C-alpha cells in the first residue's frame, strides 16, 4: 500500500485512519480483516462511487435530464 520506503510511516498512519473507521487489528487473529480494510479504503478514496450503477445514484423516479434532481412544482413557472 505504501511501498518499502514509506513502510515505517504505517503505524502512525494506521492510528489516525482508525479514528476515521479503518478496522482495528483483530487480537485473536493478529491482523485486520482485509475485505473490511478494502471497503474502508474504497470509501476513503471515493472509489465506491464509481462502482455503483448511475441510475441507483440518482434514486428511484429521478429524471435523467436533470441529473437526478426533480424540479419543484411551480418553480420557474409564471
PDB file of N, CA and C in Angstrom:
ATOM      1  N   UNK A   1       0.830  -1.190   0.000  1.00  0.00           N
ATOM      2  CA  UNK A   1       0.000   0.000   0.000  1.00  0.00           C
ATOM      3  C   UNK A   1       0.872   1.251   0.000  1.00  0.00           C
ATOM      4  N   UNK A   2       1.877   1.295   0.856  1.00  0.00           N
ATOM      5  CA  UNK A   2       2.731   2.468   0.923  1.00  0.00           C
ATOM      6  C   UNK A   2       4.042   2.285   0.184  1.00  0.00           C
ATOM      7  N   UNK A   3       4.517   1.080   0.063  1.00  0.00           N
ATOM      8  CA  UNK A   3       5.809   0.839  -0.542  1.00  0.00           C
ATOM      9  C   UNK A   3       6.880   0.706   0.522  1.00  0.00           C
ATOM     10  N   UNK A   4       8.009   0.104   0.147  1.00  0.00           N
ATOM     11  CA  UNK A   4       9.039  -0.188   1.144  1.00  0.00           C
ATOM     12  C   UNK A   4       9.668   1.048   1.776  1.00  0.00           C
ATOM     13  N   UNK A   5       9.759   2.141   1.061  1.00  0.00           N
ATOM     14  CA  UNK A   5      10.396   3.333   1.606  1.00  0.00           C
ATOM     15  C   UNK A   5       9.531   4.028   2.662  1.00  0.00           C
ATOM     16  N   UNK A   6       8.219   3.868   2.550  1.00  0.00           N
ATOM     17  CA  UNK A   6       7.316   4.556   3.489  1.00  0.00           C
ATOM     18  C   UNK A   6       6.686   3.612   4.505  1.00  0.00           C
ATOM     19  N   UNK A   7       7.135   2.371   4.551  1.00  0.00           N
ATOM     20  CA  UNK A   7       6.545   1.381   5.463  1.00  0.00           C
ATOM     21  C   UNK A   7       6.670   1.796   6.925  1.00  0.00           C
ATOM     22  N   UNK A   8       7.688   2.541   7.267  1.00  0.00           N
ATOM     23  CA  UNK A   8       7.873   2.989   8.656  1.00  0.00           C
ATOM     24  C   UNK A   8       6.793   3.971   9.087  1.00  0.00           C
ATOM     25  N   UNK A   9       6.138   4.598   8.134  1.00  0.00           N
ATOM     26  CA  UNK A   9       5.100   5.594   8.422  1.00  0.00           C
ATOM     27  C   UNK A   9       3.785   4.918   8.819  1.00  0.00           C
ATOM     28  N   UNK A  10       3.596   3.650   8.407  1.00  0.00           N
ATOM     29  CA  UNK A  10       2.305   2.980   8.566  1.00  0.00           C
ATOM     30  C   UNK A  10       1.777   2.940   9.993  1.00  0.00           C
ATOM     31  N   UNK A  11       2.562   2.587  11.022  1.00  0.00           N
ATOM     32  CA  UNK A  11       1.981   2.508  12.371  1.00  0.00           C
ATOM     33  C   UNK A  11       1.296   3.804  12.811  1.00  0.00           C
ATOM     34  N   UNK A  12       1.911   4.928  12.584  1.00  0.00           N
ATOM     35  CA  UNK A  12       1.293   6.200  12.955  1.00  0.00           C
ATOM     36  C   UNK A  12       0.103   6.541  12.081  1.00  0.00           C
ATOM     37  N   UNK A  13       0.222   6.227  10.799  1.00  0.00           N
ATOM     38  CA  UNK A  13      -0.876   6.483   9.869  1.00  0.00           C
ATOM     39  C   UNK A  13      -2.080   5.612  10.198  1.00  0.00           C
ATOM     40  N   UNK A  14      -1.829   4.367  10.581  1.00  0.00           N
ATOM     41  CA  UNK A  14      -2.917   3.453  10.930  1.00  0.00           C
ATOM     42  C   UNK A  14      -3.717   3.970  12.124  1.00  0.00           C
ATOM     43  N   UNK A  15      -3.039   4.528  13.103  1.00  0.00           N
ATOM     44  CA  UNK A  15      -3.726   5.072  14.287  1.00  0.00           C
ATOM     45  C   UNK A  15      -4.666   6.197  13.869  1.00  0.00           C
ATOM     46  N   UNK A  16      -4.196   7.063  12.989  1.00  0.00           N
ATOM     47  CA  UNK A  16      -5.026   8.180  12.527  1.00  0.00           C
ATOM     48  C   UNK A  16      -6.212   7.661  11.710  1.00  0.00           C
ATOM     49  N   UNK A  17      -5.963   6.704  10.825  1.00  0.00           N
ATOM     50  CA  UNK A  17      -7.042   6.171   9.982  1.00  0.00           C
ATOM     51  C   UNK A  17      -8.062   5.364  10.789  1.00  0.00           C
ATOM     52  N   UNK A  18      -7.630   4.739  11.879  1.00  0.00           N
ATOM     53  CA  UNK A  18      -8.573   4.007  12.731  1.00  0.00           C
ATOM     54  C   UNK A  18      -9.617   4.946  13.326  1.00  0.00           C
ATOM     55  N   UNK A  19      -9.249   6.188  13.569  1.00  0.00           N
ATOM     56  CA  UNK A  19     -10.221   7.168  14.077  1.00  0.00           C
ATOM     57  C   UNK A  19     -11.289   7.474  13.037  1.00  0.00           C
ATOM     58  N   UNK A  20     -10.954   7.246  11.762  1.00  0.00           N
ATOM     59  CA  UNK A  20     -11.896   7.506  10.675  1.00  0.00           C
ATOM     60  C   UNK A  20     -12.625   6.248  10.231  1.00  0.00           C
ATOM     61  N   UNK A  21     -12.352   5.114  10.880  1.00  0.00           N
ATOM     62  CA  UNK A  21     -13.098   3.908  10.557  1.00  0.00           C
ATOM     63  C   UNK A  21     -12.290   2.744  10.022  1.00  0.00           C
ATOM     64  N   UNK A  22     -10.978   2.877   9.879  1.00  0.00           N
ATOM     65  CA  UNK A  22     -10.160   1.737   9.464  1.00  0.00           C
ATOM     66  C   UNK A  22     -10.315   0.629  10.492  1.00  0.00           C
ATOM     67  N   UNK A  23     -10.609  -0.597  10.055  1.00  0.00           N
ATOM     68  CA  UNK A  23     -10.763  -1.693  11.020  1.00  0.00           C
ATOM     69  C   UNK A  23      -9.492  -1.885  11.852  1.00  0.00           C
ATOM     70  N   UNK A  24      -9.689  -2.132  13.121  1.00  0.00           N
ATOM     71  CA  UNK A  24      -8.553  -2.341  14.028  1.00  0.00           C
ATOM     72  C   UNK A  24      -8.010  -3.767  13.854  1.00  0.00           C
ATOM     73  N   UNK A  25      -6.805  -3.984  14.355  1.00  0.00           N
ATOM     74  CA  UNK A  25      -6.193  -5.305  14.322  1.00  0.00           C
ATOM     75  C   UNK A  25      -6.992  -6.227  15.233  1.00  0.00           C
ATOM     76  N   UNK A  26      -7.401  -7.378  14.707  1.00  0.00           N
ATOM     77  CA  UNK A  26      -8.135  -8.363  15.487  1.00  0.00           C
ATOM     78  C   UNK A  26      -7.149  -9.082  16.408  1.00  0.00           C
ATOM     79  N   UNK A  27      -7.406  -9.053  17.699  1.00  0.00           N
ATOM     80  CA  UNK A  27      -6.489  -9.619  18.680  1.00  0.00           C
ATOM     81  C   UNK A  27      -6.356 -11.134  18.494  1.00  0.00           C
ATOM     82  N   UNK A  28      -7.452 -11.802  18.190  1.00  0.00           N
ATOM     83  CA  UNK A  28      -7.430 -13.255  18.063  1.00  0.00           C
ATOM     84  C   UNK A  28      -6.617 -13.705  16.852  1.00  0.00           C
ATOM     85  N   UNK A  29      -6.748 -12.992  15.737  1.00  0.00           N
ATOM     86  CA  UNK A  29      -6.093 -13.421  14.510  1.00  0.00           C
ATOM     87  C   UNK A  29      -4.805 -12.659  14.213  1.00  0.00           C
ATOM     88  N   UNK A  30      -4.588 -11.546  14.890  1.00  0.00           N
ATOM     89  CA  UNK A  30      -3.351 -10.809  14.719  1.00  0.00           C
ATOM     90  C   UNK A  30      -3.260 -10.010  13.432  1.00  0.00           C
ATOM     91  N   UNK A  31      -4.381  -9.655  12.870  1.00  0.00           N
ATOM     92  CA  UNK A  31      -4.380  -8.862  11.641  1.00  0.00           C
ATOM     93  C   UNK A  31      -5.706  -8.157  11.452  1.00  0.00           C
ATOM     94  N   UNK A  32      -5.806  -7.404  10.382  1.00  0.00           N
ATOM     95  CA  UNK A  32      -7.043  -6.699  10.050  1.00  0.00           C
ATOM     96  C   UNK A  32      -7.836  -7.540   9.058  1.00  0.00           C
ATOM     97  N   UNK A  33      -9.140  -7.503   9.169  1.00  0.00           N
ATOM     98  CA  UNK A  33      -9.997  -8.223   8.229  1.00  0.00           C
ATOM     99  C   UNK A  33      -9.910  -7.510   6.889  1.00  0.00           C
ATOM    100  N   UNK A  34      -9.224  -8.137   5.936  1.00  0.00           N
ATOM    101  CA  UNK A  34      -8.860  -7.462   4.701  1.00  0.00           C
ATOM    102  C   UNK A  34     -10.048  -6.948   3.891  1.00  0.00           C
ATOM    103  N   UNK A  35     -11.171  -7.703   3.726  1.00  0.00           N
ATOM    104  CA  UNK A  35     -12.300  -7.136   2.968  1.00  0.00           C
ATOM    105  C   UNK A  35     -12.833  -5.839   3.586  1.00  0.00           C
ATOM    106  N   UNK A  36     -12.800  -5.737   4.904  1.00  0.00           N
ATOM    107  CA  UNK A  36     -13.260  -4.510   5.559  1.00  0.00           C
ATOM    108  C   UNK A  36     -12.263  -3.377   5.340  1.00  0.00           C
ATOM    109  N   UNK A  37     -10.969  -3.701   5.306  1.00  0.00           N
ATOM    110  CA  UNK A  37      -9.950  -2.686   5.025  1.00  0.00           C
ATOM    111  C   UNK A  37     -10.127  -2.162   3.608  1.00  0.00           C
ATOM    112  N   UNK A  38     -10.346  -3.068   2.665  1.00  0.00           N
ATOM    113  CA  UNK A  38     -10.543  -2.648   1.271  1.00  0.00           C
ATOM    114  C   UNK A  38     -11.785  -1.774   1.139  1.00  0.00           C
ATOM    115  N   UNK A  39     -12.876  -2.160   1.799  1.00  0.00           N
ATOM    116  CA  UNK A  39     -14.100  -1.351   1.757  1.00  0.00           C
ATOM    117  C   UNK A  39     -13.854   0.036   2.351  1.00  0.00           C
ATOM    118  N   UNK A  40     -13.098   0.103   3.445  1.00  0.00           N
ATOM    119  CA  UNK A  40     -12.767   1.390   4.047  1.00  0.00           C
ATOM    120  C   UNK A  40     -11.976   2.253   3.071  1.00  0.00           C
ATOM    121  N   UNK A  41     -10.945   1.665   2.460  1.00  0.00           N
ATOM    122  CA  UNK A  41     -10.109   2.430   1.530  1.00  0.00           C
ATOM    123  C   UNK A  41     -10.893   2.868   0.292  1.00  0.00           C
ATOM    124  N   UNK A  42     -11.807   2.029  -0.187  1.00  0.00           N
ATOM    125  CA  UNK A  42     -12.654   2.422  -1.324  1.00  0.00           C
ATOM    126  C   UNK A  42     -13.522   3.615  -0.956  1.00  0.00           C
ATOM    127  N   UNK A  43     -14.111   3.583   0.250  1.00  0.00           N
ATOM    128  CA  UNK A  43     -14.914   4.731   0.705  1.00  0.00           C
ATOM    129  C   UNK A  43     -14.037   5.956   0.909  1.00  0.00           C
ATOM    130  N   UNK A  44     -12.861   5.767   1.481  1.00  0.00           N
ATOM    131  CA  UNK A  44     -11.946   6.866   1.780  1.00  0.00           C
ATOM    132  C   UNK A  44     -11.522   7.595   0.510  1.00  0.00           C
ATOM    133  N   UNK A  45     -11.319   6.835  -0.558  1.00  0.00           N
ATOM    134  CA  UNK A  45     -10.890   7.420  -1.832  1.00  0.00           C
ATOM    135  C   UNK A  45     -12.049   7.586  -2.814  1.00  0.00           C
ATOM    136  N   UNK A  46     -13.281   7.434  -2.327  1.00  0.00           N
ATOM    137  CA  UNK A  46     -14.495   7.592  -3.130  1.00  0.00           C
ATOM    138  C   UNK A  46     -14.516   6.668  -4.334  1.00  0.00           C
ATOM    139  N   UNK A  47     -13.823   5.541  -4.249  1.00  0.00           N
ATOM    140  CA  UNK A  47     -13.820   4.579  -5.347  1.00  0.00           C
ATOM    141  C   UNK A  47     -15.136   3.826  -5.404  1.00  0.00           C
ATOM    142  N   UNK A  48     -15.859   3.760  -4.282  1.00  0.00           N
ATOM    143  CA  UNK A  48     -17.123   3.040  -4.288  1.00  0.00           C
ATOM    144  C   UNK A  48     -18.175   3.770  -5.118  1.00  0.00           C
ATOM    145  N   UNK A  49     -18.034   5.061  -5.335  1.00  0.00           N
ATOM    146  CA  UNK A  49     -18.980   5.823  -6.151  1.00  0.00           C
ATOM    147  C   UNK A  49     -18.923   5.382  -7.608  1.00  0.00           C
ATOM    148  N   UNK A  50     -17.749   5.035  -8.080  1.00  0.00           N
ATOM    149  CA  UNK A  50     -17.591   4.621  -9.473  1.00  0.00           C
ATOM    150  C   UNK A  50     -18.166   3.242  -9.714  1.00  0.00           C
ATOM    151  N   UNK A  51     -18.308   2.440  -8.659  1.00  0.00           N
ATOM    152  CA  UNK A  51     -18.764   1.071  -8.809  1.00  0.00           C
ATOM    153  C   UNK A  51     -20.281   0.962  -8.841  1.00  0.00           C
ATOM    154  N   UNK A  52     -20.961   1.957  -8.382  1.00  0.00           N
ATOM    155  CA  UNK A  52     -22.420   1.907  -8.334  1.00  0.00           C
ATOM    156  C   UNK A  52     -23.030   2.187  -9.696  1.00  0.00           C
ATOM    157  N   UNK A  53     -24.233   1.697  -9.867  1.00  0.00           N
ATOM    158  CA  UNK A  53     -24.987   1.954 -11.085  1.00  0.00           C
ATOM    159  C   UNK A  53     -25.432   3.417 -11.067  1.00  0.00           C
ATOM    160  N   UNK A  54     -25.215   4.178 -12.157  1.00  0.00           N
ATOM    161  CA  UNK A  54     -25.606   5.596 -12.168  1.00  0.00           C
ATOM    162  C   UNK A  54     -27.091   5.810 -11.891  1.00  0.00           C
ATOM    163  N   UNK A  55     -27.925   4.870 -12.286  1.00  0.00           N
ATOM    164  CA  UNK A  55     -29.362   5.009 -12.028  1.00  0.00           C
ATOM    165  C   UNK A  55     -29.631   4.926 -10.534  1.00  0.00           C
ATOM    166  N   UNK A  56     -28.923   4.054  -9.832  1.00  0.00           N
ATOM    167  CA  UNK A  56     -29.103   3.934  -8.381  1.00  0.00           C
ATOM    168  C   UNK A  56     -28.600   5.169  -7.662  1.00  0.00           C
ATOM    169  N   UNK A  57     -27.600   5.843  -8.199  1.00  0.00           N
ATOM    170  CA  UNK A  57     -27.083   7.049  -7.559  1.00  0.00           C
ATOM    171  C   UNK A  57     -28.124   8.153  -7.577  1.00  0.00           C
ATOM    172  N   UNK A  58     -28.914   8.203  -8.646  1.00  0.00           N
ATOM    173  CA  UNK A  58     -29.914   9.269  -8.751  1.00  0.00           C
ATOM    174  C   UNK A  58     -31.119   8.991  -7.874  1.00  0.00           C
ATOM    175  N   UNK A  59     -31.390   7.718  -7.619  1.00  0.00           N
ATOM    176  CA  UNK A  59     -32.527   7.379  -6.782  1.00  0.00           C
ATOM    177  C   UNK A  59     -33.734   7.001  -7.615  1.00  0.00           C
ATOM    178  N   UNK A  60     -34.715   6.398  -6.993  1.00  0.00           N
ATOM    179  CA  UNK A  60     -35.886   5.944  -7.726  1.00  0.00           C
ATOM    180  C   UNK A  60     -36.717   7.114  -8.237  1.00  0.00           C
ATOM    181  N   UNK A  61     -37.156   7.012  -9.473  1.00  0.00           N
ATOM    182  CA  UNK A  61     -38.021   8.036 -10.048  1.00  0.00           C
ATOM    183  C   UNK A  61     -37.304   9.301 -10.460  1.00  0.00           C
ATOM    184  N   UNK A  62     -35.980   9.309 -10.441  1.00  0.00           N
ATOM    185  CA  UNK A  62     -35.227  10.516 -10.793  1.00  0.00           C
ATOM    186  C   UNK A  62     -35.243  10.713 -12.300  1.00  0.00           C
ATOM    187  N   UNK A  63     -35.188  11.933 -12.711  1.00  0.00           N
ATOM    188  CA  UNK A  63     -35.207  12.278 -14.121  1.00  0.00           C
ATOM    189  C   UNK A  63     -33.774  12.395 -14.634  1.00  0.00           C
ATOM    190  N   UNK A  64     -33.428  11.624 -15.646  1.00  0.00           N
ATOM    191  CA  UNK A  64     -32.061  11.623 -16.186  1.00  0.00           C
ATOM    192  C   UNK A  64     -31.712  12.973 -16.813  1.00  0.00           C
ATOM    193  N   UNK A  65     -32.707  13.717 -17.307  1.00  0.00           N
ATOM    194  CA  UNK A  65     -32.437  15.007 -17.957  1.00  0.00           C
ATOM    195  C   UNK A  65     -31.963  16.058 -16.968  1.00  0.00           C
ATOM    196  N   UNK A  66     -32.355  15.946 -15.732  1.00  0.00           N
ATOM    197  CA  UNK A  66     -31.995  16.953 -14.729  1.00  0.00           C
ATOM    198  C   UNK A  66     -30.888  16.471 -13.816  1.00  0.00           C
ATOM    199  N   UNK A  67     -30.238  15.358 -14.176  1.00  0.00           N
ATOM    200  CA  UNK A  67     -29.148  14.846 -13.350  1.00  0.00           C
ATOM    201  C   UNK A  67     -29.632  14.236 -12.051  1.00  0.00           C
ATOM    202  N   UNK A  68     -30.857  13.750 -12.051  1.00  0.00           N
ATOM    203  CA  UNK A  68     -31.380  13.090 -10.876  1.00  0.00           C
ATOM    204  C   UNK A  68     -32.119  14.006  -9.928  1.00  0.00           C
ATOM    205  N   UNK A  69     -32.206  15.280 -10.244  1.00  0.00           N
ATOM    206  CA  UNK A  69     -32.893  16.228  -9.375  1.00  0.00           C
ATOM    207  C   UNK A  69     -34.215  16.584 -10.022  1.00  0.00           C
ATOM    208  N   UNK A  70     -35.273  16.344  -9.282  1.00  0.00           N
ATOM    209  CA  UNK A  70     -36.588  16.709  -9.808  1.00  0.00           C
ATOM    210  C   UNK A  70     -36.879  18.165  -9.487  1.00  0.00           C
ATOM    211  N   UNK A  71     -37.274  18.957 -10.463  1.00  0.00           N
ATOM    212  CA  UNK A  71     -37.630  20.354 -10.170  1.00  0.00           C
ATOM    213  C   UNK A  71     -38.892  20.402  -9.299  1.00  0.00           C
ATOM    214  N   UNK A  72     -38.958  21.370  -8.423  1.00  0.00           N
ATOM    215  CA  UNK A  72     -40.133  21.514  -7.581  1.00  0.00           C
ATOM    216  C   UNK A  72     -41.295  22.029  -8.412  1.00  0.00           C
ATOM    217  N   UNK A  73     -42.471  21.655  -8.007  1.00  0.00           N
ATOM    218  CA  UNK A  73     -43.661  22.118  -8.720  1.00  0.00           C
ATOM    219  C   UNK A  73     -43.816  23.599  -8.600  1.00  0.00           C
ATOM    220  N   UNK A  74     -44.120  24.230  -9.707  1.00  0.00           N
ATOM    221  CA  UNK A  74     -44.403  25.659  -9.702  1.00  0.00           C
ATOM    222  C   UNK A  74     -43.165  26.537  -9.760  1.00  0.00           C
ATOM    223  N   UNK A  75     -41.994  25.977  -9.613  1.00  0.00           N
ATOM    224  CA  UNK A  75     -40.779  26.779  -9.652  1.00  0.00           C
ATOM    225  C   UNK A  75     -40.435  27.077 -11.097  1.00  0.00           C
ATOM    226  N   UNK A  76     -40.247  28.346 -11.418  1.00  0.00           N
ATOM    227  CA  UNK A  76     -39.868  28.721 -12.763  1.00  0.00           C
ATOM    228  C   UNK A  76     -41.050  28.910 -13.696  1.00  0.00           C
ATOM    229  N   UNK A  77     -42.226  28.719 -13.170  1.00  0.00           N
ATOM    230  CA  UNK A  77     -43.440  28.903 -13.988  1.00  0.00           C
ATOM    231  C   UNK A  77     -44.162  30.151 -13.541  1.00  0.00           C
ATOM    232  N   UNK A  78     -44.715  30.839 -14.494  1.00  0.00           N
ATOM    233  CA  UNK A  78     -45.445  32.056 -14.140  1.00  0.00           C
ATOM    234  C   UNK A  78     -46.888  31.936 -14.514  1.00  0.00           C
TER     235      UNK A  78
END
